[in-house]
Amino acid sequence: MIVDDVEQRSVAWQRSRFGNFTGSEVHNLMKSGRKKYEAWSETAKSYMYKVAAERLFNPDFLNDDDVFDDYLHQTNFTSKAMQFGIEQEQYARETYIKLNNDVEVFEVASCKHDTIPHFAASPDGIVRGADLKCLEIKCPNIATHMMYVDKIHDGASLKEVKPEYYWQTMAEMACTGATETDFVSYSPWLLNPIHIVTIPRNDEDVALLEERVKLANAFVEEIINKSKS
């Protein structure tokens, strides 16, 4: 696990992830096209074109904090609900720690895969224990939180209900070497504000994910080479 020593959501963190396939978006690579011979869905292609463009970004703009921050503000949308979730994340982490006998949770930035280039994930914490464990926190609205309580109980149900979150947890385990991830839904308005589900590492799905990222990297390199010809 290669960890960038920068604060999550900072300009430096955004720069470190630029041009990478990341845990929060890697689910876009997991669907093939509608026809049997199509390796990629249109959503996957759109994501790969975006990554290709990021790798060709003007370095003068990329390395200028003010210019790059301006670009991020123009291209990244943060709703009130998303901002609320970001603000509640620390409280969710503190609640999780108390419920788990004051277990140590370390905040990390972008964790790069040991062997696959341009592949990184940013778990919301690393839990110290006998085995490495990731923490992934979501702070949805109260109705969505209760739906998670009702329907998400293990890896299979997470994959069915929220496949994008399932593949995010697999990406985090692929990039960190963790054996499991605690998926946490937190709603501060409720008497019992936290729902914790342990998602074990699925080696077959991790291998599938890693293979898709390798193929996506090859696709991106092909696009980059075309742009230079």
Protein backbone atom coordinates (compact mmCIF):
# COMPACT_ATOMS: atom_id res chain seq x y z
CA MET A 1 0.00 0.00 0.00
CA ILE A 2 1.46 3.34 -1.11
CA VAL A 3 -0.13 6.25 0.80
CA ASP A 4 0.04 9.89 -0.25
CA ASP A 5 0.58 12.01 2.85
CA VAL A 6 -2.00 14.69 2.07
CA GLU A 7 -5.35 15.68 3.58
CA GLN A 8 -8.44 14.15 2.00
CA ARG A 9 -10.40 16.54 -0.25
CA SER A 10 -7.54 19.07 -0.31
CA VAL A 11 -6.20 20.40 -3.60
CA ALA A 12 -3.12 18.22 -3.13
CA TRP A 13 -5.34 15.16 -2.62
CA GLN A 14 -7.36 15.97 -5.74
CA ARG A 15 -4.09 16.37 -7.68
CA SER A 16 -2.76 13.02 -6.42
CA ARG A 17 -5.90 11.27 -7.73
CA PHE A 18 -5.99 13.09 -11.06
CA GLY A 19 -5.62 10.68 -13.98
CA ASN A 20 -6.22 7.65 -11.77
CA PHE A 21 -9.05 5.16 -11.63
CA THR A 22 -10.40 5.69 -8.11
CA GLY A 23 -12.45 3.69 -5.66
CA SER A 24 -15.43 6.02 -5.77
CA GLU A 25 -15.78 5.77 -9.56
CA VAL A 26 -14.31 2.40 -10.45
CA HIS A 27 -17.78 0.83 -10.51
CA ASN A 28 -18.19 2.55 -13.88
CA LEU A 29 -15.76 0.01 -15.35
CA MET A 30 -17.65 -3.07 -14.22
CA LYS A 31 -20.37 -3.14 -16.90
CA SER A 32 -19.86 -4.36 -20.45
CA GLY A 33 -21.69 -2.96 -23.45
CA ARG A 34 -25.19 -4.01 -24.46
CA LYS A 35 -23.88 -6.24 -27.22
CA LYS A 36 -21.91 -9.38 -26.39
CA TYR A 37 -18.80 -8.24 -28.25
CA GLU A 38 -18.67 -4.84 -26.52
CA ALA A 39 -16.17 -4.88 -23.66
CA TRP A 40 -17.27 -1.52 -22.28
CA SER A 41 -20.53 0.25 -21.58
CA GLU A 42 -20.96 3.84 -22.72
CA THR A 43 -20.64 4.93 -19.08
CA ALA A 44 -17.32 3.10 -18.81
CA LYS A 45 -16.06 4.72 -22.01
CA SER A 46 -17.05 8.18 -20.77
CA TYR A 47 -15.14 7.56 -17.53
CA MET A 48 -12.05 6.37 -19.42
CA TYR A 49 -12.13 9.40 -21.73
CA LYS A 50 -12.23 11.61 -18.63
CA VAL A 51 -9.21 9.81 -17.14
CA ALA A 52 -7.35 10.07 -20.45
CA ALA A 53 -7.98 13.83 -20.53
CA GLU A 54 -6.73 14.19 -16.96
CA ARG A 55 -3.47 12.46 -17.88
CA LEU A 56 -3.04 14.96 -20.72
CA PHE A 57 -3.85 17.97 -18.52
CA ASN A 58 -1.51 20.94 -18.93
CA PRO A 59 1.05 20.51 -16.08
CA ASP A 60 1.35 24.28 -15.67
CA PHE A 61 -2.34 24.38 -14.75
CA LEU A 62 -2.25 21.14 -12.75
CA ASN A 63 0.58 22.33 -10.51
CA ASP A 64 -0.83 25.82 -9.93
CA ASP A 65 -3.02 25.51 -6.82
CA ASP A 66 -5.23 28.49 -7.68
CA VAL A 67 -5.80 27.52 -11.30
CA PHE A 68 -6.36 23.85 -10.48
CA ASP A 69 -8.72 24.70 -7.62
CA ASP A 70 -10.70 26.92 -9.99
CA TYR A 71 -10.95 24.03 -12.46
CA LEU A 72 -12.19 21.72 -9.71
CA HIS A 73 -14.87 24.18 -8.66
CA GLN A 74 -16.07 24.44 -12.25
CA THR A 75 -16.23 20.69 -12.83
CA ASN A 76 -17.12 19.17 -9.44
CA PHE A 77 -20.63 19.61 -8.05
CA THR A 78 -21.27 19.43 -4.30
CA SER A 79 -24.92 19.55 -3.25
CA LYS A 80 -26.12 20.56 0.23
CA ALA A 81 -26.72 16.88 1.00
CA MET A 82 -23.20 15.96 -0.09
CA GLN A 83 -21.69 18.77 1.99
CA PHE A 84 -23.73 17.64 5.00
CA GLY A 85 -22.35 14.12 4.55
CA ILE A 86 -18.79 15.43 4.44
CA GLU A 87 -19.36 17.43 7.62
CA GLN A 88 -20.88 14.45 9.46
CA GLU A 89 -18.13 11.99 8.55
CA GLN A 90 -15.99 12.77 11.60
CA TYR A 91 -18.95 12.30 13.96
CA ALA A 92 -19.71 8.96 12.31
CA ARG A 93 -16.07 7.91 12.78
CA GLU A 94 -16.15 8.90 16.46
CA THR A 95 -19.39 6.96 17.02
CA TYR A 96 -17.90 3.92 15.30
CA ILE A 97 -14.81 4.09 17.53
CA LYS A 98 -16.89 4.26 20.73
CA LEU A 99 -19.06 1.31 19.66
CA ASN A 100 -15.94 -0.74 18.98
CA ASN A 101 -14.28 -0.31 22.39
CA ASP A 102 -12.23 2.72 21.36
CA VAL A 103 -10.53 0.87 18.53
CA GLU A 104 -7.81 2.88 16.79
CA VAL A 105 -8.84 4.30 13.41
CA PHE A 106 -6.25 6.07 11.29
CA GLU A 107 -7.29 8.57 8.65
CA VAL A 108 -5.51 8.11 5.34
CA ALA A 109 -5.38 9.96 2.05
CA SER A 110 -5.08 8.33 -1.35
CA CYS A 111 -3.84 4.72 -1.24
CA LYS A 112 -2.22 3.58 -4.47
CA HIS A 113 -2.25 -0.04 -5.63
CA ASP A 114 1.11 -1.75 -5.15
CA THR A 115 1.39 -3.15 -8.68
CA ILE A 116 -1.28 -1.57 -10.89
CA PRO A 117 -0.45 1.99 -11.99
CA HIS A 118 -3.09 4.74 -11.98
CA PHE A 119 -5.30 2.87 -9.51
CA ALA A 120 -6.04 4.38 -6.09
CA ALA A 121 -8.68 4.46 -3.37
CA SER A 122 -9.33 6.61 -0.31
CA PRO A 123 -11.01 4.74 2.55
CA ASP A 124 -12.47 6.85 5.35
CA GLY A 125 -10.19 5.11 7.82
CA ILE A 126 -7.88 2.18 8.47
CA VAL A 127 -8.78 0.16 11.56
CA ARG A 128 -5.89 -1.19 13.60
CA GLY A 129 -6.28 -4.85 14.49
CA ALA A 130 -4.95 -8.34 13.87
CA ASP A 131 -5.87 -7.92 10.21
CA LEU A 132 -6.05 -4.77 8.16
CA LYS A 133 -9.59 -3.36 7.91
CA CYS A 134 -10.93 -0.38 5.95
CA LEU A 135 -13.73 1.93 7.00
CA GLU A 136 -16.18 3.36 4.45
CA ILE A 137 -18.67 5.94 5.77
CA LYS A 138 -21.88 7.16 4.14
CA CYS A 139 -24.14 9.84 5.62
CA PRO A 140 -27.36 9.71 3.58
CA ASN A 141 -30.76 11.23 4.28
CA ILE A 142 -32.86 9.46 6.92
CA ALA A 143 -35.05 7.54 4.45
CA THR A 144 -32.03 6.18 2.58
CA HIS A 145 -30.33 5.32 5.86
CA MET A 146 -33.36 3.26 6.94
CA MET A 147 -33.39 1.52 3.55
CA TYR A 148 -29.76 0.54 4.15
CA VAL A 149 -30.68 -0.75 7.63
CA ASP A 150 -33.47 -2.81 6.10
CA LYS A 151 -31.71 -4.18 3.05
CA ILE A 152 -27.93 -4.19 3.53
CA HIS A 153 -26.62 -6.96 5.81
CA ASP A 154 -23.56 -8.41 4.04
CA GLY A 155 -21.46 -8.20 0.89
CA ALA A 156 -24.07 -9.82 -1.34
CA SER A 157 -26.85 -7.44 -0.29
CA LEU A 158 -24.57 -4.40 -0.63
CA LYS A 159 -23.66 -5.55 -4.14
CA GLU A 160 -27.36 -5.86 -5.01
CA VAL A 161 -28.61 -2.64 -3.39
CA LYS A 162 -25.65 -0.30 -4.00
CA PRO A 163 -23.19 -1.93 -6.42
CA GLU A 164 -21.17 1.28 -6.68
CA TYR A 165 -20.45 1.09 -2.94
CA TYR A 166 -19.68 -2.61 -3.15
CA TRP A 167 -17.04 -2.05 -5.83
CA GLN A 168 -15.71 0.90 -3.84
CA THR A 169 -15.07 -1.40 -0.87
CA MET A 170 -13.41 -3.97 -3.14
CA ALA A 171 -11.20 -1.23 -4.62
CA GLU A 172 -10.20 -0.10 -1.14
CA MET A 173 -9.24 -3.64 -0.18
CA ALA A 174 -7.37 -4.12 -3.46
CA CYS A 175 -5.35 -0.95 -2.91
CA THR A 176 -4.65 -1.42 0.81
CA GLY A 177 -4.42 -5.20 1.12
CA ALA A 178 -7.19 -5.18 3.74
CA THR A 179 -9.18 -8.36 4.42
CA GLU A 180 -12.49 -6.60 5.12
CA THR A 181 -14.23 -3.24 5.14
CA ASP A 182 -16.79 -1.97 7.63
CA PHE A 183 -19.48 -0.22 5.63
CA VAL A 184 -21.06 2.46 7.84
CA SER A 185 -24.27 4.40 7.31
CA TYR A 186 -24.72 7.29 9.73
CA SER A 187 -27.75 9.49 10.37
CA PRO A 188 -27.28 11.81 13.35
CA TRP A 189 -31.01 12.55 13.67
CA LEU A 190 -31.91 9.05 14.87
CA LEU A 191 -31.87 7.40 18.31
CA ASN A 192 -29.61 4.70 16.87
CA PRO A 193 -27.66 6.75 14.32
CA ILE A 194 -25.27 4.12 12.97
CA HIS A 195 -25.57 0.96 10.87
CA ILE A 196 -22.39 -1.12 10.49
CA VAL A 197 -21.99 -3.99 8.04
CA THR A 198 -18.73 -5.91 7.67
CA ILE A 199 -17.93 -6.59 4.01
CA PRO A 200 -15.33 -9.37 3.63
CA ARG A 201 -12.80 -9.27 0.82
CA ASN A 202 -14.03 -11.30 -2.16
CA ASP A 203 -10.85 -12.43 -3.91
CA GLU A 204 -12.66 -13.32 -7.13
CA ASP A 205 -14.28 -9.90 -7.37
CA VAL A 206 -11.03 -8.14 -6.44
CA ALA A 207 -9.27 -10.05 -9.23
CA LEU A 208 -12.05 -9.14 -11.67
CA LEU A 209 -11.84 -5.49 -10.65
CA GLU A 210 -8.06 -5.43 -11.03
CA GLU A 211 -8.31 -6.98 -14.49
CA ARG A 212 -10.87 -4.37 -15.57
CA VAL A 213 -8.59 -1.57 -14.34
CA LYS A 214 -5.67 -3.05 -16.29
CA LEU A 215 -7.80 -3.19 -19.44
CA ALA A 216 -9.02 0.36 -18.80
CA ASN A 217 -5.44 1.57 -18.47
CA ALA A 218 -4.65 -0.01 -21.84
CA PHE A 219 -7.69 1.72 -23.37
CA VAL A 220 -6.57 5.08 -21.95
CA GLU A 221 -3.02 4.63 -23.23
CA GLU A 222 -4.40 3.90 -26.68
CA ILE A 223 -6.43 7.12 -26.61
CA ILE A 224 -3.40 9.10 -25.41
CA ASN A 225 -1.24 7.67 -28.20
CA LYS A 226 -3.87 8.63 -30.77
CA SER A 227 -3.88 12.20 -29.46
CA LYS A 228 -0.12 12.42 -30.03
CA SER A 229 -0.15 11.12 -33.60
